[in-house]
Amino acid sequence: MGNDSKTIIDLTMPFIEVIVTGVIAAFTGIGVVSSKYNKRIDALDSKVDAIELSVAKDYVSKDCFNTIIERVETHMVRIETKLDNLIIKRNDSTN
């Protein structure tokens, strides 16, 4: 019986080595793939940060935009008034 148990251990030892080697290889592969995905996620994060910075630099507040629109509308009204006056003067001079 002592020889039988030694034989079983001798027979199972190569399988255990193969299993341990396979598990180590699997964990290494998962680590490499995980590292690649982390690098890609970091790159995308950097791009999103750059876009956020660009938006923050170029953003115009609603109040500021409304003020600008009011100024443009005021100038447009003045231009329309001047054009109306020119048309009225021209019509008066031709009559």
PDB file of N, CA and C in Angstrom:
ATOM      1  N   MET A   1       0.819  -1.190   0.000  1.00  0.00           N
ATOM      2  CA  MET A   1       0.000   0.000   0.000  1.00  0.00           C
ATOM      3  C   MET A   1       0.860   1.250   0.000  1.00  0.00           C
ATOM      4  N   GLY A   2       2.001   1.197   0.662  1.00  0.00           N
ATOM      5  CA  GLY A   2       2.918   2.325   0.685  1.00  0.00           C
ATOM      6  C   GLY A   2       3.412   2.648  -0.703  1.00  0.00           C
ATOM      7  N   ASN A   3       3.666   1.632  -1.498  1.00  0.00           N
ATOM      8  CA  ASN A   3       4.129   1.841  -2.866  1.00  0.00           C
ATOM      9  C   ASN A   3       3.015   2.392  -3.736  1.00  0.00           C
ATOM     10  N   ASP A   4       1.774   2.002  -3.467  1.00  0.00           N
ATOM     11  CA  ASP A   4       0.640   2.485  -4.250  1.00  0.00           C
ATOM     12  C   ASP A   4       0.419   3.984  -4.044  1.00  0.00           C
ATOM     13  N   SER A   5       0.528   4.429  -2.784  1.00  0.00           N
ATOM     14  CA  SER A   5       0.327   5.847  -2.518  1.00  0.00           C
ATOM     15  C   SER A   5       1.444   6.676  -3.139  1.00  0.00           C
ATOM     16  N   LYS A   6       2.647   6.158  -3.129  1.00  0.00           N
ATOM     17  CA  LYS A   6       3.759   6.866  -3.743  1.00  0.00           C
ATOM     18  C   LYS A   6       3.537   6.943  -5.252  1.00  0.00           C
ATOM     19  N   THR A   7       3.001   5.954  -5.803  1.00  0.00           N
ATOM     20  CA  THR A   7       2.733   5.927  -7.227  1.00  0.00           C
ATOM     21  C   THR A   7       1.633   6.920  -7.593  1.00  0.00           C
ATOM     22  N   ILE A   8       0.625   7.042  -6.769  1.00  0.00           N
ATOM     23  CA  ILE A   8      -0.458   8.000  -7.032  1.00  0.00           C
ATOM     24  C   ILE A   8       0.072   9.419  -6.958  1.00  0.00           C
ATOM     25  N   ILE A   9       0.911   9.702  -5.963  1.00  0.00           N
ATOM     26  CA  ILE A   9       1.504  11.041  -5.841  1.00  0.00           C
ATOM     27  C   ILE A   9       2.400  11.317  -7.038  1.00  0.00           C
ATOM     28  N   ASP A  10       3.165  10.326  -7.429  1.00  0.00           N
ATOM     29  CA  ASP A  10       4.033  10.493  -8.591  1.00  0.00           C
ATOM     30  C   ASP A  10       3.214  10.739  -9.852  1.00  0.00           C
ATOM     31  N   LEU A  11       2.056  10.111  -9.951  1.00  0.00           N
ATOM     32  CA  LEU A  11       1.218  10.276 -11.134  1.00  0.00           C
ATOM     33  C   LEU A  11       0.487  11.623 -11.135  1.00  0.00           C
ATOM     34  N   THR A  12       0.068  12.068  -9.967  1.00  0.00           N
ATOM     35  CA  THR A  12      -0.700  13.322  -9.911  1.00  0.00           C
ATOM     36  C   THR A  12       0.171  14.567  -9.900  1.00  0.00           C
ATOM     37  N   MET A  13       1.426  14.453  -9.532  1.00  0.00           N
ATOM     38  CA  MET A  13       2.311  15.611  -9.442  1.00  0.00           C
ATOM     39  C   MET A  13       2.438  16.352 -10.782  1.00  0.00           C
ATOM     40  N   PRO A  14       2.630  15.703 -11.919  1.00  0.00           N
ATOM     41  CA  PRO A  14       2.713  16.450 -13.189  1.00  0.00           C
ATOM     42  C   PRO A  14       1.417  17.189 -13.505  1.00  0.00           C
ATOM     43  N   PHE A  15       0.276  16.607 -13.149  1.00  0.00           N
ATOM     44  CA  PHE A  15      -0.991  17.273 -13.408  1.00  0.00           C
ATOM     45  C   PHE A  15      -1.134  18.525 -12.543  1.00  0.00           C
ATOM     46  N   ILE A  16      -0.724  18.455 -11.320  1.00  0.00           N
ATOM     47  CA  ILE A  16      -0.780  19.611 -10.429  1.00  0.00           C
ATOM     48  C   ILE A  16       0.133  20.718 -10.960  1.00  0.00           C
ATOM     49  N   GLU A  17       1.310  20.335 -11.438  1.00  0.00           N
ATOM     50  CA  GLU A  17       2.225  21.328 -12.007  1.00  0.00           C
ATOM     51  C   GLU A  17       1.609  21.992 -13.222  1.00  0.00           C
ATOM     52  N   VAL A  18       0.944  21.220 -14.061  1.00  0.00           N
ATOM     53  CA  VAL A  18       0.294  21.764 -15.258  1.00  0.00           C
ATOM     54  C   VAL A  18      -0.835  22.709 -14.852  1.00  0.00           C
ATOM     55  N   ILE A  19      -1.610  22.306 -13.862  1.00  0.00           N
ATOM     56  CA  ILE A  19      -2.724  23.143 -13.414  1.00  0.00           C
ATOM     57  C   ILE A  19      -2.208  24.448 -12.814  1.00  0.00           C
ATOM     58  N   VAL A  20      -1.201  24.366 -11.967  1.00  0.00           N
ATOM     59  CA  VAL A  20      -0.635  25.573 -11.362  1.00  0.00           C
ATOM     60  C   VAL A  20      -0.058  26.484 -12.439  1.00  0.00           C
ATOM     61  N   THR A  21       0.662  25.921 -13.394  1.00  0.00           N
ATOM     62  CA  THR A  21       1.225  26.709 -14.492  1.00  0.00           C
ATOM     63  C   THR A  21       0.116  27.374 -15.305  1.00  0.00           C
ATOM     64  N   GLY A  22      -0.949  26.634 -15.568  1.00  0.00           N
ATOM     65  CA  GLY A  22      -2.083  27.191 -16.313  1.00  0.00           C
ATOM     66  C   GLY A  22      -2.760  28.329 -15.573  1.00  0.00           C
ATOM     67  N   VAL A  23      -2.931  28.163 -14.267  1.00  0.00           N
ATOM     68  CA  VAL A  23      -3.562  29.215 -13.464  1.00  0.00           C
ATOM     69  C   VAL A  23      -2.691  30.463 -13.449  1.00  0.00           C
ATOM     70  N   ILE A  24      -1.389  30.295 -13.297  1.00  0.00           N
ATOM     71  CA  ILE A  24      -0.473  31.440 -13.311  1.00  0.00           C
ATOM     72  C   ILE A  24      -0.522  32.148 -14.668  1.00  0.00           C
ATOM     73  N   ALA A  25      -0.530  31.368 -15.743  1.00  0.00           N
ATOM     74  CA  ALA A  25      -0.611  31.950 -17.092  1.00  0.00           C
ATOM     75  C   ALA A  25      -1.930  32.705 -17.284  1.00  0.00           C
ATOM     76  N   ALA A  26      -3.021  32.134 -16.773  1.00  0.00           N
ATOM     77  CA  ALA A  26      -4.320  32.790 -16.902  1.00  0.00           C
ATOM     78  C   ALA A  26      -4.328  34.127 -16.159  1.00  0.00           C
ATOM     79  N   PHE A  27      -3.808  34.134 -14.928  1.00  0.00           N
ATOM     80  CA  PHE A  27      -3.757  35.383 -14.173  1.00  0.00           C
ATOM     81  C   PHE A  27      -2.860  36.414 -14.851  1.00  0.00           C
ATOM     82  N   THR A  28      -1.763  35.971 -15.430  1.00  0.00           N
ATOM     83  CA  THR A  28      -0.866  36.875 -16.148  1.00  0.00           C
ATOM     84  C   THR A  28      -1.581  37.463 -17.368  1.00  0.00           C
ATOM     85  N   GLY A  29      -2.286  36.619 -18.098  1.00  0.00           N
ATOM     86  CA  GLY A  29      -3.040  37.092 -19.268  1.00  0.00           C
ATOM     87  C   GLY A  29      -4.108  38.096 -18.888  1.00  0.00           C
ATOM     88  N   ILE A  30      -4.811  37.805 -17.801  1.00  0.00           N
ATOM     89  CA  ILE A  30      -5.836  38.737 -17.334  1.00  0.00           C
ATOM     90  C   ILE A  30      -5.192  40.060 -16.927  1.00  0.00           C
ATOM     91  N   GLY A  31      -4.024  39.995 -16.303  1.00  0.00           N
ATOM     92  CA  GLY A  31      -3.317  41.218 -15.913  1.00  0.00           C
ATOM     93  C   GLY A  31      -2.909  42.049 -17.115  1.00  0.00           C
ATOM     94  N   VAL A  32      -2.422  41.392 -18.168  1.00  0.00           N
ATOM     95  CA  VAL A  32      -2.008  42.117 -19.381  1.00  0.00           C
ATOM     96  C   VAL A  32      -3.205  42.766 -20.048  1.00  0.00           C
ATOM     97  N   VAL A  33      -4.286  42.028 -20.195  1.00  0.00           N
ATOM     98  CA  VAL A  33      -5.490  42.583 -20.828  1.00  0.00           C
ATOM     99  C   VAL A  33      -6.044  43.733 -19.989  1.00  0.00           C
ATOM    100  N   SER A  34      -6.066  43.548 -18.682  1.00  0.00           N
ATOM    101  CA  SER A  34      -6.552  44.598 -17.787  1.00  0.00           C
ATOM    102  C   SER A  34      -5.685  45.848 -17.906  1.00  0.00           C
ATOM    103  N   SER A  35      -4.387  45.683 -18.010  1.00  0.00           N
ATOM    104  CA  SER A  35      -3.477  46.813 -18.148  1.00  0.00           C
ATOM    105  C   SER A  35      -3.747  47.573 -19.441  1.00  0.00           C
ATOM    106  N   LYS A  36      -3.980  46.836 -20.538  1.00  0.00           N
ATOM    107  CA  LYS A  36      -4.266  47.494 -21.815  1.00  0.00           C
ATOM    108  C   LYS A  36      -5.558  48.291 -21.738  1.00  0.00           C
ATOM    109  N   TYR A  37      -6.594  47.716 -21.121  1.00  0.00           N
ATOM    110  CA  TYR A  37      -7.854  48.437 -20.995  1.00  0.00           C
ATOM    111  C   TYR A  37      -7.700  49.653 -20.092  1.00  0.00           C
ATOM    112  N   ASN A  38      -6.924  49.540 -19.045  1.00  0.00           N
ATOM    113  CA  ASN A  38      -6.705  50.692 -18.170  1.00  0.00           C
ATOM    114  C   ASN A  38      -5.999  51.818 -18.907  1.00  0.00           C
ATOM    115  N   LYS A  39      -5.035  51.474 -19.768  1.00  0.00           N
ATOM    116  CA  LYS A  39      -4.344  52.498 -20.551  1.00  0.00           C
ATOM    117  C   LYS A  39      -5.308  53.187 -21.510  1.00  0.00           C
ATOM    118  N   ARG A  40      -6.191  52.409 -22.136  1.00  0.00           N
ATOM    119  CA  ARG A  40      -7.163  53.000 -23.065  1.00  0.00           C
ATOM    120  C   ARG A  40      -8.153  53.885 -22.316  1.00  0.00           C
ATOM    121  N   ILE A  41      -8.579  53.442 -21.145  1.00  0.00           N
ATOM    122  CA  ILE A  41      -9.500  54.245 -20.345  1.00  0.00           C
ATOM    123  C   ILE A  41      -8.816  55.538 -19.900  1.00  0.00           C
ATOM    124  N   ASP A  42      -7.555  55.462 -19.521  1.00  0.00           N
ATOM    125  CA  ASP A  42      -6.816  56.672 -19.144  1.00  0.00           C
ATOM    126  C   ASP A  42      -6.711  57.642 -20.317  1.00  0.00           C
ATOM    127  N   ALA A  43      -6.463  57.108 -21.528  1.00  0.00           N
ATOM    128  CA  ALA A  43      -6.379  57.961 -22.715  1.00  0.00           C
ATOM    129  C   ALA A  43      -7.722  58.643 -22.978  1.00  0.00           C
ATOM    130  N   LEU A  44      -8.810  57.893 -22.871  1.00  0.00           N
ATOM    131  CA  LEU A  44     -10.137  58.485 -23.072  1.00  0.00           C
ATOM    132  C   LEU A  44     -10.447  59.519 -21.997  1.00  0.00           C
ATOM    133  N   ASP A  45     -10.025  59.249 -20.783  1.00  0.00           N
ATOM    134  CA  ASP A  45     -10.231  60.195 -19.690  1.00  0.00           C
ATOM    135  C   ASP A  45      -9.493  61.500 -19.971  1.00  0.00           C
ATOM    136  N   SER A  46      -8.290  61.400 -20.495  1.00  0.00           N
ATOM    137  CA  SER A  46      -7.523  62.606 -20.844  1.00  0.00           C
ATOM    138  C   SER A  46      -8.235  63.401 -21.931  1.00  0.00           C
ATOM    139  N   LYS A  47      -8.788  62.705 -22.917  1.00  0.00           N
ATOM    140  CA  LYS A  47      -9.513  63.393 -23.990  1.00  0.00           C
ATOM    141  C   LYS A  47     -10.758  64.091 -23.458  1.00  0.00           C
ATOM    142  N   VAL A  48     -11.487  63.422 -22.590  1.00  0.00           N
ATOM    143  CA  VAL A  48     -12.683  64.037 -21.995  1.00  0.00           C
ATOM    144  C   VAL A  48     -12.291  65.258 -21.167  1.00  0.00           C
ATOM    145  N   ASP A  49     -11.201  65.171 -20.419  1.00  0.00           N
ATOM    146  CA  ASP A  49     -10.730  66.314 -19.644  1.00  0.00           C
ATOM    147  C   ASP A  49     -10.400  67.493 -20.551  1.00  0.00           C
ATOM    148  N   ALA A  50      -9.784  67.207 -21.696  1.00  0.00           N
ATOM    149  CA  ALA A  50      -9.437  68.274 -22.639  1.00  0.00           C
ATOM    150  C   ALA A  50     -10.702  68.933 -23.195  1.00  0.00           C
ATOM    151  N   ILE A  51     -11.715  68.130 -23.484  1.00  0.00           N
ATOM    152  CA  ILE A  51     -12.977  68.678 -23.998  1.00  0.00           C
ATOM    153  C   ILE A  51     -13.653  69.517 -22.928  1.00  0.00           C
ATOM    154  N   GLU A  52     -13.653  69.041 -21.697  1.00  0.00           N
ATOM    155  CA  GLU A  52     -14.251  69.810 -20.605  1.00  0.00           C
ATOM    156  C   GLU A  52     -13.548  71.151 -20.443  1.00  0.00           C
ATOM    157  N   LEU A  53     -12.238  71.156 -20.545  1.00  0.00           N
ATOM    158  CA  LEU A  53     -11.482  72.404 -20.423  1.00  0.00           C
ATOM    159  C   LEU A  53     -11.820  73.349 -21.569  1.00  0.00           C
ATOM    160  N   SER A  54     -11.927  72.804 -22.770  1.00  0.00           N
ATOM    161  CA  SER A  54     -12.262  73.623 -23.932  1.00  0.00           C
ATOM    162  C   SER A  54     -13.651  74.241 -23.779  1.00  0.00           C
ATOM    163  N   VAL A  55     -14.598  73.447 -23.323  1.00  0.00           N
ATOM    164  CA  VAL A  55     -15.959  73.961 -23.127  1.00  0.00           C
ATOM    165  C   VAL A  55     -15.965  75.041 -22.052  1.00  0.00           C
ATOM    166  N   ALA A  56     -15.228  74.811 -20.986  1.00  0.00           N
ATOM    167  CA  ALA A  56     -15.186  75.801 -19.906  1.00  0.00           C
ATOM    168  C   ALA A  56     -14.561  77.114 -20.369  1.00  0.00           C
ATOM    169  N   LYS A  57     -13.562  77.039 -21.250  1.00  0.00           N
ATOM    170  CA  LYS A  57     -12.916  78.258 -21.739  1.00  0.00           C
ATOM    171  C   LYS A  57     -13.821  79.030 -22.686  1.00  0.00           C
ATOM    172  N   ASP A  58     -14.528  78.311 -23.561  1.00  0.00           N
ATOM    173  CA  ASP A  58     -15.322  78.941 -24.609  1.00  0.00           C
ATOM    174  C   ASP A  58     -16.782  79.168 -24.221  1.00  0.00           C
ATOM    175  N   TYR A  59     -17.176  78.764 -23.041  1.00  0.00           N
ATOM    176  CA  TYR A  59     -18.564  78.868 -22.607  1.00  0.00           C
ATOM    177  C   TYR A  59     -18.932  80.319 -22.334  1.00  0.00           C
ATOM    178  N   VAL A  60     -20.127  80.696 -22.767  1.00  0.00           N
ATOM    179  CA  VAL A  60     -20.657  82.028 -22.490  1.00  0.00           C
ATOM    180  C   VAL A  60     -21.881  81.836 -21.602  1.00  0.00           C
ATOM    181  N   SER A  61     -21.926  82.564 -20.508  1.00  0.00           N
ATOM    182  CA  SER A  61     -23.072  82.417 -19.604  1.00  0.00           C
ATOM    183  C   SER A  61     -24.337  82.938 -20.269  1.00  0.00           C
ATOM    184  N   LYS A  62     -25.471  82.470 -19.799  1.00  0.00           N
ATOM    185  CA  LYS A  62     -26.751  82.868 -20.370  1.00  0.00           C
ATOM    186  C   LYS A  62     -26.989  84.362 -20.182  1.00  0.00           C
ATOM    187  N   ASP A  63     -26.624  84.894 -19.018  1.00  0.00           N
ATOM    188  CA  ASP A  63     -26.801  86.326 -18.765  1.00  0.00           C
ATOM    189  C   ASP A  63     -25.968  87.164 -19.730  1.00  0.00           C
ATOM    190  N   CYS A  64     -24.730  86.743 -19.926  1.00  0.00           N
ATOM    191  CA  CYS A  64     -23.852  87.472 -20.855  1.00  0.00           C
ATOM    192  C   CYS A  64     -24.404  87.386 -22.277  1.00  0.00           C
ATOM    193  N   PHE A  65     -24.880  86.218 -22.660  1.00  0.00           N
ATOM    194  CA  PHE A  65     -25.447  86.036 -23.997  1.00  0.00           C
ATOM    195  C   PHE A  65     -26.674  86.924 -24.173  1.00  0.00           C
ATOM    196  N   ASN A  66     -27.537  86.975 -23.166  1.00  0.00           N
ATOM    197  CA  ASN A  66     -28.736  87.811 -23.255  1.00  0.00           C
ATOM    198  C   ASN A  66     -28.366  89.282 -23.383  1.00  0.00           C
ATOM    199  N   THR A  67     -27.338  89.719 -22.674  1.00  0.00           N
ATOM    200  CA  THR A  67     -26.884  91.108 -22.770  1.00  0.00           C
ATOM    201  C   THR A  67     -26.396  91.420 -24.183  1.00  0.00           C
ATOM    202  N   ILE A  68     -25.640  90.507 -24.741  1.00  0.00           N
ATOM    203  CA  ILE A  68     -25.128  90.697 -26.110  1.00  0.00           C
ATOM    204  C   ILE A  68     -26.281  90.756 -27.103  1.00  0.00           C
ATOM    205  N   ILE A  69     -27.248  89.865 -26.949  1.00  0.00           N
ATOM    206  CA  ILE A  69     -28.407  89.848 -27.858  1.00  0.00           C
ATOM    207  C   ILE A  69     -29.194  91.154 -27.751  1.00  0.00           C
ATOM    208  N   GLU A  70     -29.364  91.659 -26.548  1.00  0.00           N
ATOM    209  CA  GLU A  70     -30.076  92.934 -26.366  1.00  0.00           C
ATOM    210  C   GLU A  70     -29.350  94.066 -27.071  1.00  0.00           C
ATOM    211  N   ARG A  71     -28.027  94.082 -26.962  1.00  0.00           N
ATOM    212  CA  ARG A  71     -27.250  95.129 -27.635  1.00  0.00           C
ATOM    213  C   ARG A  71     -27.401  95.027 -29.147  1.00  0.00           C
ATOM    214  N   VAL A  72     -27.353  93.809 -29.665  1.00  0.00           N
ATOM    215  CA  VAL A  72     -27.502  93.618 -31.113  1.00  0.00           C
ATOM    216  C   VAL A  72     -28.898  94.053 -31.556  1.00  0.00           C
ATOM    217  N   GLU A  73     -29.909  93.693 -30.785  1.00  0.00           N
ATOM    218  CA  GLU A  73     -31.278  94.091 -31.135  1.00  0.00           C
ATOM    219  C   GLU A  73     -31.432  95.612 -31.124  1.00  0.00           C
ATOM    220  N   THR A  74     -30.811  96.259 -30.144  1.00  0.00           N
ATOM    221  CA  THR A  74     -30.867  97.720 -30.069  1.00  0.00           C
ATOM    222  C   THR A  74     -30.231  98.339 -31.304  1.00  0.00           C
ATOM    223  N   HIS A  75     -29.085  97.827 -31.708  1.00  0.00           N
ATOM    224  CA  HIS A  75     -28.425  98.338 -32.916  1.00  0.00           C
ATOM    225  C   HIS A  75     -29.264  98.061 -34.158  1.00  0.00           C
ATOM    226  N   MET A  76     -29.904  96.921 -34.208  1.00  0.00           N
ATOM    227  CA  MET A  76     -30.749  96.599 -35.366  1.00  0.00           C
ATOM    228  C   MET A  76     -31.938  97.560 -35.455  1.00  0.00           C
ATOM    229  N   VAL A  77     -32.520  97.887 -34.310  1.00  0.00           N
ATOM    230  CA  VAL A  77     -33.639  98.829 -34.288  1.00  0.00           C
ATOM    231  C   VAL A  77     -33.169 100.194 -34.780  1.00  0.00           C
ATOM    232  N   ARG A  78     -31.984 100.621 -34.349  1.00  0.00           N
ATOM    233  CA  ARG A  78     -31.457 101.905 -34.813  1.00  0.00           C
ATOM    234  C   ARG A  78     -31.227 101.888 -36.324  1.00  0.00           C
ATOM    235  N   ILE A  79     -30.683 100.796 -36.838  1.00  0.00           N
ATOM    236  CA  ILE A  79     -30.448 100.684 -38.282  1.00  0.00           C
ATOM    237  C   ILE A  79     -31.771 100.697 -39.027  1.00  0.00           C
ATOM    238  N   GLU A  80     -32.763  99.971 -38.517  1.00  0.00           N
ATOM    239  CA  GLU A  80     -34.081  99.953 -39.162  1.00  0.00           C
ATOM    240  C   GLU A  80     -34.696 101.345 -39.182  1.00  0.00           C
ATOM    241  N   THR A  81     -34.556 102.064 -38.083  1.00  0.00           N
ATOM    242  CA  THR A  81     -35.091 103.424 -38.006  1.00  0.00           C
ATOM    243  C   THR A  81     -34.411 104.332 -39.036  1.00  0.00           C
ATOM    244  N   LYS A  82     -33.110 104.223 -39.141  1.00  0.00           N
ATOM    245  CA  LYS A  82     -32.374 105.030 -40.117  1.00  0.00           C
ATOM    246  C   LYS A  82     -32.796 104.685 -41.542  1.00  0.00           C
ATOM    247  N   LEU A  83     -32.951 103.394 -41.815  1.00  0.00           N
ATOM    248  CA  LEU A  83     -33.396 102.996 -43.149  1.00  0.00           C
ATOM    249  C   LEU A  83     -34.807 103.502 -43.437  1.00  0.00           C
ATOM    250  N   ASP A  84     -35.669 103.406 -42.440  1.00  0.00           N
ATOM    251  CA  ASP A  84     -37.038 103.917 -42.626  1.00  0.00           C
ATOM    252  C   ASP A  84     -37.013 105.409 -42.914  1.00  0.00           C
ATOM    253  N   ASN A  85     -36.197 106.163 -42.171  1.00  0.00           N
ATOM    254  CA  ASN A  85     -36.095 107.606 -42.396  1.00  0.00           C
ATOM    255  C   ASN A  85     -35.553 107.917 -43.788  1.00  0.00           C
ATOM    256  N   LEU A  86     -34.564 107.137 -44.249  1.00  0.00           N
ATOM    257  CA  LEU A  86     -34.041 107.345 -45.608  1.00  0.00           C
ATOM    258  C   LEU A  86     -35.107 107.085 -46.661  1.00  0.00           C
ATOM    259  N   ILE A  87     -35.867 106.049 -46.463  1.00  0.00           N
ATOM    260  CA  ILE A  87     -36.930 105.726 -47.428  1.00  0.00           C
ATOM    261  C   ILE A  87     -37.996 106.813 -47.417  1.00  0.00           C
ATOM    262  N   ILE A  88     -38.339 107.292 -46.237  1.00  0.00           N
ATOM    263  CA  ILE A  88     -39.351 108.358 -46.147  1.00  0.00           C
ATOM    264  C   ILE A  88     -38.859 109.619 -46.818  1.00  0.00           C
ATOM    265  N   LYS A  89     -37.590 110.006 -46.603  1.00  0.00           N
ATOM    266  CA  LYS A  89     -37.023 111.188 -47.247  1.00  0.00           C
ATOM    267  C   LYS A  89     -36.989 111.030 -48.769  1.00  0.00           C
ATOM    268  N   ARG A  90     -36.633 109.878 -49.230  1.00  0.00           N
ATOM    269  CA  ARG A  90     -36.581 109.647 -50.670  1.00  0.00           C
ATOM    270  C   ARG A  90     -37.965 109.730 -51.293  1.00  0.00           C
ATOM    271  N   ASN A  91     -38.943 109.163 -50.582  1.00  0.00           N
ATOM    272  CA  ASN A  91     -40.310 109.218 -51.096  1.00  0.00           C
ATOM    273  C   ASN A  91     -40.843 110.658 -51.107  1.00  0.00           C
ATOM    274  N   ASP A  92     -40.487 111.437 -50.064  1.00  0.00           N
ATOM    275  CA  ASP A  92     -40.913 112.835 -49.994  1.00  0.00           C
ATOM    276  C   ASP A  92     -40.265 113.669 -51.095  1.00  0.00           C
ATOM    277  N   SER A  93     -39.006 113.384 -51.395  1.00  0.00           N
ATOM    278  CA  SER A  93     -38.305 114.163 -52.400  1.00  0.00           C
ATOM    279  C   SER A  93     -38.774 113.814 -53.810  1.00  0.00           C
ATOM    280  N   THR A  94     -39.254 112.627 -54.040  1.00  0.00           N
ATOM    281  CA  THR A  94     -39.736 112.259 -55.370  1.00  0.00           C
ATOM    282  C   THR A  94     -41.173 112.734 -55.598  1.00  0.00           C
ATOM    283  N   ASN A  95     -41.892 113.009 -54.550  1.00  0.00           N
ATOM    284  CA  ASN A  95     -43.282 113.467 -54.698  1.00  0.00           C
ATOM    285  C   ASN A  95     -43.312 114.932 -54.848  1.00  0.00           C
TER     286      ASN A  95
END
